Every structure is written in C-alpha cells, then in structure tokens.
Amino acid sequence: MDCLFNEQQIMVRDLARKIAQEKIKPVAAHYDETEEFAWPIMKILSDSDLFGVYIPEAYGGLGGGITEMCLVTEELSKACGGIALGFAGTGLGTFPILLYGSEEQKKKYLPDIAKGKRLAAFCITEAEAGSDAGGIKTNAKKDGDYYILNGTKQWITNAGEAEVYTVIAMTDKAKGARGASAFIVEKGTKGMEFGLKEKKMGIRASATREVIFTDCKIPKENLISKEGMGFIVAMKTFDNSRPGVAAQAVGIAQGALDVAIDYARKRIQFGQPISSFQAIQHMLADMGTQVEAARALVYATARMVDAGIKDVARDSAMSKLFAGDMAMKVTTDAVQILGGYGFMRDYPVEKFMRDAKITQIYEGTNQIQRNVIAAHLIKESLKASK
C-alpha cells in the first residue's frame, strides 16, 4: 500500500530497511538466544543518524516526526522486534523532554540522543502501578536546590543500557494523579541502581530491568515542566509513542507474513506447493489484508500527531489496539502455515509470535486502550447530542 510518504520519509524507510535486512536479520536469532543487548546494531543506527529522525534540526536531528519514527520502527521490527526496541524505547524516553522540556533541557540532552550517543528510557511502571498509573509510589521530595527520589520502577525498557531516564514520581501524594511530576535522571547518579535483567518470553534482545532510587539526589533543574505535571506528561507521551508500538506490531506481523508466503510457495505436499491450496490462500489473504489495514491506521495516526492535532488519544489507542491484536493473530497463523516447522526455532515465525505478544501489553494493555477509546466515543456522542 502506498502511504504517500515524502522523499525524505522514503529515504529514511529504505535506509532502515537496508539495515534491518542486511545487519539485523542475520543476527536476530543469536540475540534472541543469548538475550544480549545489540550494541553493535545500535552503533550502526547511530552512524546512520536514524536516532535523530524525530528530533528537530535545532537539536541535531533530521527534523521529522512520529511518521519517521514509525517507519524506522516498522522496518527494524520486520527483522527483530527486540532489537528494534533499542531505538523505539529511546523515543519513549525522549518524548517527555521533546514535549515538555525546557529549552535548556532540550539543548543539553537532545543532541546526544539524536546522534545515538546516549539512549533513553521512560520510567513509570511499578509493581502496583501498571495500568493504574495513579498508583505510583516512587516519590520525590524537594530539598533546597535538589529533589530526593526514592522508589522502584519495574519492567523498564533500555534500563541499564540507557544514559538518560525520564521518571514519573509523586511530589504530593495527597493530590493523587495531580501530585505526580516528571524528572530527568542521568545514569551514574548516586542512589540510582538497576535490578537484574528480566528473562522474557519475547523481545529478548531488549534490556528490561528494575530502576531503583535510594535517596537519589537530582538538581531541581531536572524537573520537567513544573510540579504536578507528571501525569499529563506521561499521557501525552503515550499519545505520541503508541503509534510506534503499533508500527512495531505491523513490522513483526509483516516479517512473519513474508516468511509464511515464502514457505507456502516452496513447501510441496500432495505433489504441489501448499500455496496452491485454497485454505492456505485464504489465510494469506486475510493476513495480508489485516497487516495493510493496521499499517494504514498507524500512519494516518502518525500524520495526525505530526500535524499538531490537539487530542489524538483515541486514534493513538486505536492504532495500538488494532495493530497489537492483528500482530498476535497474523504471527499465530504464520506458525500454523509452517506446521511443525513453525514450532521450531530453526524458523523465525515462532520468535515473531513471541515478540508480538508484548505489543498487546506494554504502554497500556489493549484492554486499557478499549477503555480509552470507549470513553472518547461516548464523550463525542454526548457533545453531538447537545
């Protein structure tokens, strides 16, 4: 499907595709098996300036937006959803600074992120604060020219590998969600430690750890926006990042579909390729249609964000919901088409299926996305009826 990308977007897409197919695809199984963080690939992405595609030129980026971020994420995810997260997770950690950071904060952090010299991570999830972001217990207390952070963040993408962390913590627990604030914490700050690397079902090449703050002292200048803005910073960050998760889902699904089509053409049963069987043809047709439908929704939403449309929460949630559910179905069907081979690690579709599952879970489960979508639909109906 032609999504009407401009010349620069096509250039970005093609470069990401070339890196994915030539550099990531041959090593995807290795990193999945060893669960190592793919620093050699991050270096290639850095040297190619891809980390800066969504960062303004004023801060060393290429001046693109969410569309460019989605293009890179999709292409990298066709080869490996886990390795792609080194890039996409950095975007998630960078959005709070891009959206709400001061000019000084942007000048200090964005150029290095744009050049890939420093990865970023976003810290909001806790043991008792997943879908319920208002349940955050990590706190930050003002102490003169500093804030003192205490608490533990859980399941943080890029944790331990990233150099820049945007952290949501409570500065006034009595105010509930309105008492949350956002901060920038640099790796190496005294009182900041990392837990053991998590052992995951999928996206194994991505680093996922706890981030532990114990009397972690950070300058007041590292407060993003102002006290009490943390929940807004987080929600607007997700509005911008969820199309990226959806793009990851599309890439994973497309990668699985490509393998399934190639296998169906070559696998001979009853004297003919199984691609000649109508049952297989219908599965492939449905899979291809679902991938294209999700892709169209992803890039329509990305363009809305880039156009500066004020409220994209509903559309962002829809893209993440639809693409995540689609990826799980398409990758499962790909395993079915490959039969017994699909269940074996010698073929990549079982990895695509394992990687796809997380797109239904993180950055808001797909059940939470349905809550967001329904709330907006009902609100819109009430407005229309007045």
Protein backbone atom coordinates (compact mmCIF):
# COMPACT_ATOMS: atom_id res chain seq x y z
CA MET A 1 0.00 0.00 0.00
CA ASP A 2 1.29 3.46 -0.94
CA CYS A 3 1.03 5.61 2.20
CA LEU A 4 2.10 8.71 0.23
CA PHE A 5 5.39 9.26 2.06
CA ASN A 6 7.52 12.22 1.02
CA GLU A 7 11.03 11.94 -0.38
CA GLN A 8 12.79 12.18 2.98
CA GLN A 9 10.46 9.64 4.57
CA ILE A 10 11.09 7.18 1.74
CA MET A 11 14.84 7.70 2.20
CA VAL A 12 14.53 7.03 5.94
CA ARG A 13 12.37 3.95 5.34
CA ASP A 14 14.73 2.50 2.74
CA LEU A 15 17.80 3.07 4.91
CA ALA A 16 16.14 1.40 7.91
CA ARG A 17 15.02 -1.47 5.67
CA LYS A 18 18.54 -1.98 4.35
CA ILE A 19 19.99 -2.09 7.88
CA ALA A 20 17.24 -4.44 9.04
CA GLN A 21 17.69 -6.93 6.24
CA GLU A 22 21.48 -6.83 5.94
CA LYS A 23 22.58 -6.28 9.55
CA ILE A 24 19.76 -7.30 11.91
CA LYS A 25 18.10 -10.27 10.19
CA PRO A 26 21.28 -12.41 10.11
CA VAL A 27 21.86 -11.96 13.87
CA ALA A 28 18.28 -11.82 15.19
CA ALA A 29 18.24 -15.46 16.30
CA HIS A 30 21.60 -15.03 18.06
CA TYR A 31 20.44 -12.08 20.15
CA ASP A 32 17.13 -13.79 20.89
CA GLU A 33 19.01 -16.85 22.17
CA THR A 34 21.71 -15.05 24.15
CA GLU A 35 19.45 -12.18 25.30
CA GLU A 36 22.36 -9.77 24.82
CA PHE A 37 21.70 -6.11 24.13
CA ALA A 38 22.59 -5.46 20.48
CA TRP A 39 25.11 -2.65 20.92
CA PRO A 40 26.76 -3.31 17.52
CA ILE A 41 23.39 -2.66 15.85
CA MET A 42 22.82 0.47 17.95
CA LYS A 43 26.18 1.72 16.66
CA ILE A 44 25.06 1.14 13.07
CA LEU A 45 21.81 3.03 13.71
CA SER A 46 23.79 5.81 15.35
CA ASP A 47 26.24 6.10 12.45
CA SER A 48 23.24 6.23 10.07
CA ASP A 49 21.65 9.15 12.02
CA LEU A 50 18.41 7.20 12.46
CA PHE A 51 18.13 8.04 16.17
CA GLY A 52 17.51 11.65 15.18
CA VAL A 53 14.72 11.17 12.65
CA TYR A 54 12.01 12.53 15.02
CA ILE A 55 14.14 15.21 16.71
CA PRO A 56 14.10 18.83 15.43
CA GLU A 57 17.06 20.05 13.40
CA ALA A 58 17.71 22.73 16.04
CA TYR A 59 18.79 19.95 18.40
CA GLY A 60 20.81 17.90 15.93
CA GLY A 61 18.04 15.77 14.50
CA LEU A 62 16.66 15.33 10.99
CA GLY A 63 13.52 17.33 11.73
CA GLY A 64 10.98 14.58 11.11
CA GLY A 65 8.23 13.42 13.42
CA ILE A 66 6.22 10.43 14.57
CA THR A 67 5.81 9.24 10.98
CA GLU A 68 9.57 8.87 10.59
CA MET A 69 9.86 7.19 13.98
CA CYS A 70 7.18 4.68 12.94
CA LEU A 71 8.87 3.99 9.61
CA VAL A 72 12.16 3.11 11.28
CA THR A 73 10.46 1.06 13.99
CA GLU A 74 8.40 -0.92 11.48
CA GLU A 75 11.34 -1.75 9.24
CA LEU A 76 13.62 -2.79 12.12
CA SER A 77 10.82 -4.89 13.64
CA LYS A 78 10.43 -6.88 10.43
CA ALA A 79 13.82 -8.33 11.31
CA CYS A 80 13.68 -8.29 15.13
CA GLY A 81 11.17 -6.65 17.44
CA GLY A 82 13.58 -6.86 20.38
CA ILE A 83 16.49 -5.12 18.69
CA ALA A 84 14.08 -2.50 17.33
CA LEU A 85 13.23 -1.57 20.92
CA GLY A 86 16.67 -0.08 21.48
CA PHE A 87 15.53 2.59 19.02
CA ALA A 88 11.84 2.77 19.91
CA GLY A 89 12.41 2.69 23.68
CA THR A 90 14.76 5.63 23.31
CA GLY A 91 11.96 7.52 21.59
CA LEU A 92 9.64 6.78 24.50
CA GLY A 93 12.19 8.12 26.97
CA THR A 94 12.82 11.19 24.84
CA PHE A 95 9.22 12.34 24.30
CA PRO A 96 8.80 13.93 27.77
CA ILE A 97 11.79 16.17 27.02
CA LEU A 98 10.64 16.89 23.47
CA LEU A 99 7.09 17.72 24.55
CA TYR A 100 7.58 19.48 27.88
CA GLY A 101 11.29 20.03 28.47
CA SER A 102 12.75 23.49 28.91
CA GLU A 103 14.98 24.96 26.22
CA GLU A 104 17.98 24.28 28.45
CA GLN A 105 16.97 20.63 28.90
CA LYS A 106 16.45 20.17 25.18
CA LYS A 107 19.85 21.67 24.37
CA LYS A 108 21.53 19.53 27.00
CA TYR A 109 20.04 16.12 26.17
CA LEU A 110 18.53 16.01 22.67
CA PRO A 111 21.70 16.42 20.56
CA ASP A 112 23.39 13.36 22.10
CA ILE A 113 20.18 11.33 21.79
CA ALA A 114 19.78 12.42 18.17
CA LYS A 115 23.30 11.22 17.40
CA GLY A 116 22.77 7.94 19.21
CA LYS A 117 25.50 8.76 21.71
CA ARG A 118 23.04 8.26 24.57
CA LEU A 119 19.98 6.02 24.70
CA ALA A 120 16.94 7.00 26.74
CA ALA A 121 14.33 5.20 28.85
CA PHE A 122 10.94 6.08 30.35
CA CYS A 123 10.22 5.08 33.95
CA ILE A 124 6.59 4.97 35.04
CA THR A 125 5.59 1.32 35.72
CA GLU A 126 5.83 -0.06 39.25
CA ALA A 127 4.81 -3.29 40.98
CA GLU A 128 1.46 -1.73 41.94
CA ALA A 129 1.23 0.86 39.18
CA GLY A 130 0.87 -0.69 35.74
CA SER A 131 -2.42 0.15 34.08
CA ASP A 132 -3.22 2.17 37.22
CA ALA A 133 -0.64 4.92 36.69
CA GLY A 134 -2.18 6.80 39.61
CA GLY A 135 -0.87 4.10 41.95
CA ILE A 136 2.73 5.31 41.70
CA LYS A 137 4.64 5.15 44.99
CA THR A 138 8.04 6.43 43.88
CA ASN A 139 8.33 9.86 45.47
CA ALA A 140 10.43 12.98 45.04
CA LYS A 141 10.87 15.44 47.91
CA LYS A 142 12.18 18.96 47.41
CA ASP A 143 15.33 19.68 49.42
CA GLY A 144 16.71 23.12 48.64
CA ASP A 145 18.12 23.09 45.11
CA TYR A 146 17.56 19.35 44.75
CA TYR A 147 14.89 16.64 44.69
CA ILE A 148 15.44 13.38 46.57
CA LEU A 149 13.97 10.35 44.76
CA ASN A 150 13.02 7.10 46.47
CA GLY A 151 11.22 4.12 44.96
CA THR A 152 11.47 1.31 42.42
CA LYS A 153 10.39 1.25 38.79
CA GLN A 154 9.66 -2.11 37.18
CA TRP A 155 10.00 -3.57 33.66
CA ILE A 156 11.79 -0.55 32.23
CA THR A 157 12.84 -0.89 28.59
CA ASN A 158 16.51 0.02 27.95
CA ALA A 159 17.18 0.10 31.71
CA GLY A 160 20.85 -0.29 32.46
CA GLU A 161 21.80 0.46 28.86
CA ALA A 162 20.33 3.96 28.55
CA GLU A 163 22.10 7.06 29.83
CA VAL A 164 19.05 9.33 30.15
CA TYR A 165 15.92 8.39 32.16
CA THR A 166 12.66 10.31 32.34
CA VAL A 167 10.98 9.38 35.60
CA ILE A 168 7.45 9.92 36.92
CA ALA A 169 7.39 10.33 40.71
CA MET A 170 4.97 11.72 43.31
CA THR A 171 5.78 15.15 44.70
CA ASP A 172 2.44 15.46 46.51
CA LYS A 173 0.73 12.14 47.23
CA ALA A 174 -2.32 13.91 48.70
CA LYS A 175 -3.21 15.24 45.25
CA GLY A 176 -3.36 11.81 43.64
CA ALA A 177 -2.54 11.85 39.93
CA ARG A 178 -2.23 15.65 40.08
CA GLY A 179 0.61 15.21 42.53
CA ALA A 180 2.90 13.43 40.06
CA SER A 181 5.88 15.15 38.49
CA ALA A 182 8.39 14.26 35.78
CA PHE A 183 12.17 14.32 36.15
CA ILE A 184 15.31 13.65 34.16
CA VAL A 185 17.83 11.35 35.86
CA GLU A 186 21.19 10.53 34.36
CA LYS A 187 22.77 7.10 34.63
CA GLY A 188 25.51 7.16 37.23
CA THR A 189 23.67 9.48 39.59
CA LYS A 190 24.39 8.42 43.18
CA GLY A 191 21.47 6.47 44.63
CA MET A 192 20.33 5.10 41.24
CA GLU A 193 20.78 1.36 40.69
CA PHE A 194 19.47 -1.35 38.38
CA GLY A 195 17.90 -4.70 39.18
CA LEU A 196 18.63 -7.98 37.42
CA LYS A 197 17.84 -8.21 33.72
CA GLU A 198 14.42 -9.83 33.25
CA LYS A 199 14.04 -13.17 31.45
CA LYS A 200 11.25 -12.64 28.94
CA MET A 201 9.10 -14.72 26.60
CA GLY A 202 9.82 -12.43 23.66
CA ILE A 203 11.75 -9.28 22.67
CA ARG A 204 14.72 -10.95 24.37
CA ALA A 205 17.29 -8.68 22.72
CA SER A 206 15.74 -5.77 24.59
CA ALA A 207 17.02 -4.95 28.09
CA THR A 208 14.28 -4.90 30.75
CA ARG A 209 15.25 -4.16 34.36
CA GLU A 210 14.14 -2.52 37.58
CA VAL A 211 15.38 1.01 38.22
CA ILE A 212 15.90 1.59 41.94
CA PHE A 213 16.15 5.01 43.56
CA THR A 214 17.50 5.26 47.11
CA ASP A 215 17.91 8.86 48.31
CA CYS A 216 18.82 9.71 44.72
CA LYS A 217 19.69 13.41 44.63
CA ILE A 218 18.99 15.30 41.40
CA PRO A 219 19.15 19.05 40.64
CA LYS A 220 15.88 20.97 40.63
CA GLU A 221 16.70 21.94 37.04
CA ASN A 222 15.93 18.33 36.10
CA LEU A 223 12.22 18.80 36.85
CA ILE A 224 10.33 18.64 33.54
CA SER A 225 7.78 21.47 33.18
CA LYS A 226 6.59 22.03 36.77
CA GLU A 227 5.40 20.07 39.78
CA GLY A 228 2.08 18.31 39.27
CA MET A 229 2.51 17.90 35.51
CA GLY A 230 3.79 14.33 35.63
CA PHE A 231 0.54 12.58 34.76
CA ILE A 232 -0.10 14.91 31.82
CA VAL A 233 3.49 14.44 30.63
CA ALA A 234 3.01 10.66 30.80
CA MET A 235 -0.35 10.60 28.98
CA LYS A 236 0.83 12.93 26.21
CA THR A 237 3.99 10.84 25.89
CA PHE A 238 1.86 7.74 25.34
CA ASP A 239 -0.29 9.56 22.78
CA ASN A 240 2.93 10.12 20.81
CA SER A 241 4.53 6.74 21.44
CA ARG A 242 1.63 4.32 20.95
CA PRO A 243 1.73 4.64 17.14
CA GLY A 244 5.33 3.47 17.49
CA VAL A 245 4.20 0.34 19.34
CA ALA A 246 1.63 -0.16 16.59
CA ALA A 247 4.37 0.21 13.98
CA GLN A 248 6.41 -2.39 15.83
CA ALA A 249 3.40 -4.72 15.70
CA VAL A 250 2.98 -4.11 11.96
CA GLY A 251 6.66 -4.82 11.35
CA ILE A 252 6.57 -8.06 13.35
CA ALA A 253 3.43 -9.20 11.53
CA GLN A 254 4.86 -8.31 8.11
CA GLY A 255 8.04 -10.21 8.90
CA ALA A 256 6.01 -13.30 9.81
CA LEU A 257 3.80 -12.96 6.74
CA ASP A 258 6.82 -12.73 4.44
CA VAL A 259 8.21 -15.97 5.87
CA ALA A 260 4.81 -17.70 5.60
CA ILE A 261 4.38 -16.72 1.93
CA ASP A 262 7.88 -17.86 1.03
CA TYR A 263 7.39 -21.15 2.84
CA ALA A 264 3.97 -21.77 1.26
CA ARG A 265 5.47 -21.30 -2.21
CA LYS A 266 8.25 -23.82 -1.56
CA ARG A 267 6.58 -26.43 0.64
CA ILE A 268 5.39 -29.35 -1.51
CA GLN A 269 2.54 -31.57 -0.31
CA PHE A 270 0.45 -33.97 -2.42
CA GLY A 271 2.68 -33.08 -5.36
CA GLN A 272 2.11 -29.31 -5.33
CA PRO A 273 3.10 -26.24 -3.29
CA ILE A 274 0.75 -25.62 -0.39
CA SER A 275 0.28 -22.06 -1.71
CA SER A 276 -1.97 -23.64 -4.36
CA PHE A 277 -4.42 -24.83 -1.69
CA GLN A 278 -7.38 -22.53 -1.21
CA ALA A 279 -7.29 -22.94 2.59
CA ILE A 280 -3.74 -21.54 2.65
CA GLN A 281 -4.56 -18.84 0.10
CA HIS A 282 -7.44 -17.58 2.24
CA MET A 283 -5.22 -17.47 5.33
CA LEU A 284 -2.59 -15.49 3.46
CA ALA A 285 -5.23 -13.15 2.02
CA ASP A 286 -6.64 -12.43 5.47
CA MET A 287 -3.18 -11.94 6.95
CA GLY A 288 -2.14 -9.54 4.21
CA THR A 289 -5.36 -7.54 4.50
CA GLN A 290 -5.02 -7.26 8.26
CA VAL A 291 -1.42 -6.06 8.03
CA GLU A 292 -2.31 -3.39 5.46
CA ALA A 293 -5.32 -2.21 7.46
CA ALA A 294 -3.16 -1.81 10.56
CA ARG A 295 -0.44 -0.06 8.58
CA ALA A 296 -2.94 2.44 7.16
CA LEU A 297 -4.26 3.22 10.66
CA VAL A 298 -0.76 3.62 12.07
CA TYR A 299 0.39 6.15 9.51
CA ALA A 300 -2.92 8.03 9.50
CA THR A 301 -2.49 8.45 13.26
CA ALA A 302 1.17 9.40 12.94
CA ARG A 303 0.25 12.12 10.46
CA MET A 304 -2.36 13.46 12.87
CA VAL A 305 0.27 13.75 15.60
CA ASP A 306 2.74 15.40 13.23
CA ALA A 307 0.06 17.84 12.08
CA GLY A 308 -0.30 19.05 15.66
CA ILE A 309 -3.87 17.90 16.20
CA LYS A 310 -4.59 18.57 19.86
CA ASP A 311 -6.31 15.39 21.00
CA VAL A 312 -5.10 12.18 19.40
CA ALA A 313 -5.63 9.89 22.41
CA ARG A 314 -8.48 7.96 20.79
CA ASP A 315 -6.72 7.45 17.47
CA SER A 316 -3.42 6.60 19.13
CA ALA A 317 -5.19 3.99 21.28
CA MET A 318 -6.98 2.58 18.23
CA SER A 319 -3.75 2.14 16.29
CA LYS A 320 -2.05 0.37 19.19
CA LEU A 321 -5.09 -1.82 19.91
CA PHE A 322 -5.76 -2.86 16.32
CA ALA A 323 -2.13 -3.44 15.36
CA GLY A 324 -1.29 -5.36 18.52
CA ASP A 325 -4.25 -7.73 18.17
CA MET A 326 -3.53 -8.08 14.47
CA ALA A 327 0.13 -8.97 15.06
CA MET A 328 -0.79 -11.72 17.51
CA LYS A 329 -3.27 -13.24 15.04
CA VAL A 330 -1.04 -12.96 11.97
CA THR A 331 2.02 -14.41 13.68
CA THR A 332 -0.04 -17.28 15.12
CA ASP A 333 -1.41 -18.00 11.64
CA ALA A 334 2.13 -17.90 10.24
CA VAL A 335 3.16 -20.60 12.71
CA GLN A 336 0.13 -22.64 11.61
CA ILE A 337 1.04 -22.36 7.92
CA LEU A 338 4.55 -23.65 8.65
CA GLY A 339 3.07 -26.51 10.68
CA GLY A 340 5.66 -28.42 12.70
CA TYR A 341 8.46 -26.29 11.27
CA GLY A 342 6.71 -23.20 12.61
CA PHE A 343 7.07 -24.57 16.11
CA MET A 344 10.83 -24.97 15.75
CA ARG A 345 13.45 -22.34 16.45
CA ASP A 346 15.12 -23.12 13.13
CA TYR A 347 12.39 -20.97 11.56
CA PRO A 348 11.77 -17.38 12.73
CA VAL A 349 7.97 -17.40 12.93
CA GLU A 350 7.86 -18.76 16.49
CA LYS A 351 10.04 -15.80 17.51
CA PHE A 352 7.74 -13.38 15.69
CA MET A 353 4.81 -14.86 17.63
CA ARG A 354 6.64 -14.50 20.96
CA ASP A 355 7.67 -10.94 20.12
CA ALA A 356 4.16 -9.98 19.00
CA LYS A 357 2.57 -10.71 22.36
CA ILE A 358 4.15 -7.75 24.15
CA THR A 359 2.53 -5.29 21.75
CA GLN A 360 -0.81 -6.18 23.34
CA ILE A 361 0.57 -5.49 26.81
CA TYR A 362 3.04 -2.64 27.22
CA GLU A 363 2.36 1.10 27.01
CA GLY A 364 -1.16 0.31 28.19
CA THR A 365 -2.73 -3.12 27.74
CA ASN A 366 -5.18 -3.48 24.89
CA GLN A 367 -7.97 -3.67 27.47
CA ILE A 368 -6.94 -0.22 28.69
CA GLN A 369 -6.88 1.00 25.07
CA ARG A 370 -10.50 -0.12 24.75
CA ASN A 371 -11.36 1.90 27.86
CA VAL A 372 -9.70 4.99 26.36
CA ILE A 373 -11.45 4.54 23.01
CA ALA A 374 -14.87 3.94 24.54
CA ALA A 375 -14.57 6.99 26.81
CA HIS A 376 -13.80 9.19 23.81
CA LEU A 377 -16.61 7.73 21.72
CA ILE A 378 -19.15 8.32 24.50
CA LYS A 379 -17.85 11.84 25.07
CA GLU A 380 -18.11 12.62 21.37
CA SER A 381 -21.66 11.26 21.28
CA LEU A 382 -22.69 13.45 24.22
CA LYS A 383 -21.28 16.52 22.50
CA ALA A 384 -23.08 15.69 19.25
CA SER A 385 -26.41 15.24 21.03
CA LYS A 386 -26.38 18.69 22.62
